Amino acid sequence: MSQQFDVHVNQITLWKSQLLERASEVFASTAERSATAGPSVKELHAKIGQLAMENDFLAGALGRSGEASAKR
């Protein structure tokens, strides 16, 4: 098969081992994939809001402590 498609035998072996290791991910349903995909968009938006508030707070704190130290 490697000669037919001009692919090295080692590459085919690598692809086969990757498929065997991750076949459940490849053939998983959409619901199964979304359950293991990571954080939701809602959680990420909440984190962005938290970080924006922290940045605003720190910017205000630096502004009150003196302009010279804030501009370094």
N, C-alpha and C. Protein backbone atom coordinates (compact mmCIF):
# COMPACT_ATOMS: atom_id res chain seq x y z
N MET A 1 0.82 -1.19 0.00
CA MET A 1 0.00 0.00 0.00
C MET A 1 0.87 1.26 0.00
N SER A 2 2.01 1.23 0.69
CA SER A 2 2.85 2.42 0.75
C SER A 2 3.39 2.79 -0.63
N GLN A 3 3.69 1.80 -1.47
CA GLN A 3 4.17 2.08 -2.82
C GLN A 3 3.06 2.65 -3.69
N GLN A 4 1.86 2.16 -3.49
CA GLN A 4 0.72 2.61 -4.30
C GLN A 4 0.47 4.09 -4.10
N PHE A 5 0.59 4.59 -2.86
CA PHE A 5 0.32 6.00 -2.56
C PHE A 5 1.58 6.82 -2.33
N ASP A 6 2.74 6.22 -2.56
CA ASP A 6 4.03 6.88 -2.41
C ASP A 6 4.19 7.49 -1.02
N VAL A 7 3.92 6.66 -0.01
CA VAL A 7 4.06 7.06 1.39
C VAL A 7 4.97 6.04 2.05
N HIS A 8 5.85 6.51 2.91
CA HIS A 8 6.78 5.61 3.59
C HIS A 8 6.04 4.69 4.55
N VAL A 9 6.52 3.48 4.68
CA VAL A 9 5.90 2.47 5.53
C VAL A 9 5.82 2.94 6.98
N ASN A 10 6.85 3.62 7.46
CA ASN A 10 6.85 4.11 8.85
C ASN A 10 5.72 5.12 9.08
N GLN A 11 5.41 5.93 8.06
CA GLN A 11 4.33 6.90 8.19
C GLN A 11 2.99 6.20 8.34
N ILE A 12 2.77 5.16 7.56
CA ILE A 12 1.53 4.39 7.66
C ILE A 12 1.42 3.73 9.02
N THR A 13 2.52 3.19 9.52
CA THR A 13 2.53 2.58 10.85
C THR A 13 2.18 3.60 11.93
N LEU A 14 2.73 4.80 11.81
CA LEU A 14 2.44 5.87 12.76
C LEU A 14 0.96 6.24 12.72
N TRP A 15 0.42 6.42 11.52
CA TRP A 15 -1.00 6.76 11.38
C TRP A 15 -1.90 5.68 11.97
N LYS A 16 -1.54 4.44 11.73
CA LYS A 16 -2.34 3.33 12.25
C LYS A 16 -2.33 3.33 13.78
N SER A 17 -1.16 3.53 14.39
CA SER A 17 -1.09 3.53 15.85
C SER A 17 -1.87 4.71 16.43
N GLN A 18 -1.81 5.88 15.77
CA GLN A 18 -2.57 7.03 16.23
C GLN A 18 -4.07 6.78 16.14
N LEU A 19 -4.50 6.14 15.07
CA LEU A 19 -5.92 5.82 14.92
C LEU A 19 -6.37 4.86 16.01
N LEU A 20 -5.58 3.84 16.27
CA LEU A 20 -5.95 2.86 17.29
C LEU A 20 -6.03 3.50 18.68
N GLU A 21 -5.14 4.45 18.96
CA GLU A 21 -5.14 5.13 20.25
C GLU A 21 -6.32 6.09 20.39
N ARG A 22 -6.70 6.76 19.30
CA ARG A 22 -7.68 7.84 19.39
C ARG A 22 -8.96 7.57 18.60
N ALA A 23 -9.24 6.33 18.26
CA ALA A 23 -10.42 6.00 17.46
C ALA A 23 -11.70 6.42 18.16
N SER A 24 -11.74 6.31 19.48
CA SER A 24 -12.96 6.70 20.20
C SER A 24 -13.24 8.19 20.05
N GLU A 25 -12.18 9.01 19.96
CA GLU A 25 -12.37 10.45 19.75
C GLU A 25 -12.87 10.73 18.33
N VAL A 26 -12.33 10.01 17.37
CA VAL A 26 -12.68 10.25 15.97
C VAL A 26 -14.15 9.91 15.70
N PHE A 27 -14.62 8.81 16.30
CA PHE A 27 -15.97 8.35 16.02
C PHE A 27 -16.96 8.70 17.12
N ALA A 28 -16.60 9.61 18.01
CA ALA A 28 -17.50 10.02 19.08
C ALA A 28 -18.61 10.90 18.53
N SER A 29 -19.74 10.87 19.21
CA SER A 29 -20.86 11.73 18.80
C SER A 29 -20.57 13.16 19.22
N THR A 30 -21.35 14.09 18.73
CA THR A 30 -21.16 15.50 19.06
C THR A 30 -21.33 15.74 20.55
N ALA A 31 -22.28 15.09 21.18
CA ALA A 31 -22.50 15.24 22.62
C ALA A 31 -21.31 14.73 23.41
N GLU A 32 -20.73 13.62 22.98
CA GLU A 32 -19.57 13.07 23.67
C GLU A 32 -18.35 13.98 23.52
N ARG A 33 -18.19 14.56 22.34
CA ARG A 33 -17.06 15.47 22.12
C ARG A 33 -17.20 16.74 22.95
N SER A 34 -18.40 17.29 23.03
CA SER A 34 -18.59 18.53 23.77
C SER A 34 -18.42 18.32 25.27
N ALA A 35 -18.69 17.11 25.75
CA ALA A 35 -18.53 16.83 27.17
C ALA A 35 -17.05 16.81 27.58
N THR A 36 -16.17 16.49 26.66
CA THR A 36 -14.74 16.42 26.97
C THR A 36 -13.94 17.53 26.31
N ALA A 37 -14.61 18.52 25.73
CA ALA A 37 -13.93 19.55 24.95
C ALA A 37 -13.19 20.56 25.81
N GLY A 38 -13.55 20.73 27.07
CA GLY A 38 -12.90 21.70 27.92
C GLY A 38 -13.90 22.70 28.45
N PRO A 39 -13.42 23.88 28.83
CA PRO A 39 -14.32 24.87 29.42
C PRO A 39 -15.34 25.38 28.41
N SER A 40 -16.50 25.75 28.92
CA SER A 40 -17.56 26.25 28.05
C SER A 40 -17.31 27.73 27.74
N VAL A 41 -18.03 28.21 26.76
CA VAL A 41 -17.92 29.61 26.37
C VAL A 41 -18.35 30.51 27.54
N LYS A 42 -19.38 30.09 28.26
CA LYS A 42 -19.86 30.86 29.40
C LYS A 42 -18.77 31.00 30.47
N GLU A 43 -18.06 29.90 30.75
CA GLU A 43 -16.98 29.95 31.73
C GLU A 43 -15.85 30.85 31.26
N LEU A 44 -15.53 30.80 29.97
CA LEU A 44 -14.47 31.64 29.44
C LEU A 44 -14.85 33.12 29.49
N HIS A 45 -16.11 33.44 29.18
CA HIS A 45 -16.55 34.84 29.27
C HIS A 45 -16.49 35.33 30.71
N ALA A 46 -16.84 34.48 31.67
CA ALA A 46 -16.76 34.86 33.08
C ALA A 46 -15.32 35.14 33.47
N LYS A 47 -14.38 34.32 33.00
CA LYS A 47 -12.97 34.52 33.31
C LYS A 47 -12.45 35.81 32.69
N ILE A 48 -12.87 36.09 31.46
CA ILE A 48 -12.46 37.34 30.80
C ILE A 48 -12.96 38.54 31.60
N GLY A 49 -14.21 38.48 32.06
CA GLY A 49 -14.76 39.57 32.86
C GLY A 49 -13.99 39.76 34.15
N GLN A 50 -13.65 38.66 34.81
CA GLN A 50 -12.89 38.73 36.05
C GLN A 50 -11.53 39.38 35.80
N LEU A 51 -10.84 38.96 34.76
CA LEU A 51 -9.52 39.51 34.47
C LEU A 51 -9.59 40.98 34.08
N ALA A 52 -10.64 41.37 33.37
CA ALA A 52 -10.81 42.78 33.00
C ALA A 52 -11.02 43.63 34.25
N MET A 53 -11.83 43.13 35.21
CA MET A 53 -12.04 43.87 36.45
C MET A 53 -10.74 44.00 37.24
N GLU A 54 -9.96 42.92 37.30
CA GLU A 54 -8.69 42.97 38.01
C GLU A 54 -7.73 43.97 37.36
N ASN A 55 -7.70 43.99 36.03
CA ASN A 55 -6.84 44.95 35.32
C ASN A 55 -7.26 46.38 35.62
N ASP A 56 -8.57 46.65 35.61
CA ASP A 56 -9.06 47.99 35.90
C ASP A 56 -8.71 48.39 37.32
N PHE A 57 -8.87 47.47 38.26
CA PHE A 57 -8.55 47.74 39.66
C PHE A 57 -7.07 48.07 39.81
N LEU A 58 -6.21 47.26 39.20
CA LEU A 58 -4.78 47.49 39.33
C LEU A 58 -4.35 48.78 38.63
N ALA A 59 -4.97 49.09 37.51
CA ALA A 59 -4.64 50.34 36.81
C ALA A 59 -5.01 51.53 37.68
N GLY A 60 -6.17 51.45 38.36
CA GLY A 60 -6.57 52.53 39.26
C GLY A 60 -5.65 52.63 40.46
N ALA A 61 -5.23 51.51 41.01
CA ALA A 61 -4.33 51.51 42.17
C ALA A 61 -2.98 52.09 41.80
N LEU A 62 -2.48 51.77 40.63
CA LEU A 62 -1.20 52.32 40.20
C LEU A 62 -1.32 53.82 39.93
N GLY A 63 -2.45 54.24 39.41
CA GLY A 63 -2.65 55.65 39.13
C GLY A 63 -2.67 56.48 40.40
N ARG A 64 -3.20 55.96 41.50
CA ARG A 64 -3.28 56.68 42.77
C ARG A 64 -1.93 56.72 43.48
N SER A 65 -1.08 55.72 43.25
CA SER A 65 0.17 55.65 43.99
C SER A 65 1.20 56.63 43.49
N GLY A 66 1.02 57.19 42.34
CA GLY A 66 1.95 58.17 41.80
C GLY A 66 2.21 57.92 40.33
N GLU A 67 2.24 58.97 39.58
CA GLU A 67 2.41 58.86 38.15
C GLU A 67 3.80 58.34 37.77
N ALA A 68 4.83 58.67 38.53
CA ALA A 68 6.18 58.26 38.18
C ALA A 68 6.32 56.75 38.24
N SER A 69 5.76 56.13 39.27
CA SER A 69 5.91 54.68 39.39
C SER A 69 5.05 53.94 38.37
N ALA A 70 3.94 54.53 37.98
CA ALA A 70 3.05 53.89 37.02
C ALA A 70 3.61 53.91 35.61
N LYS A 71 4.48 54.87 35.31
CA LYS A 71 5.00 55.02 33.97
C LYS A 71 6.30 54.25 33.74
N ARG A 72 6.84 53.60 34.73
CA ARG A 72 8.09 52.86 34.56
C ARG A 72 7.96 51.72 33.63
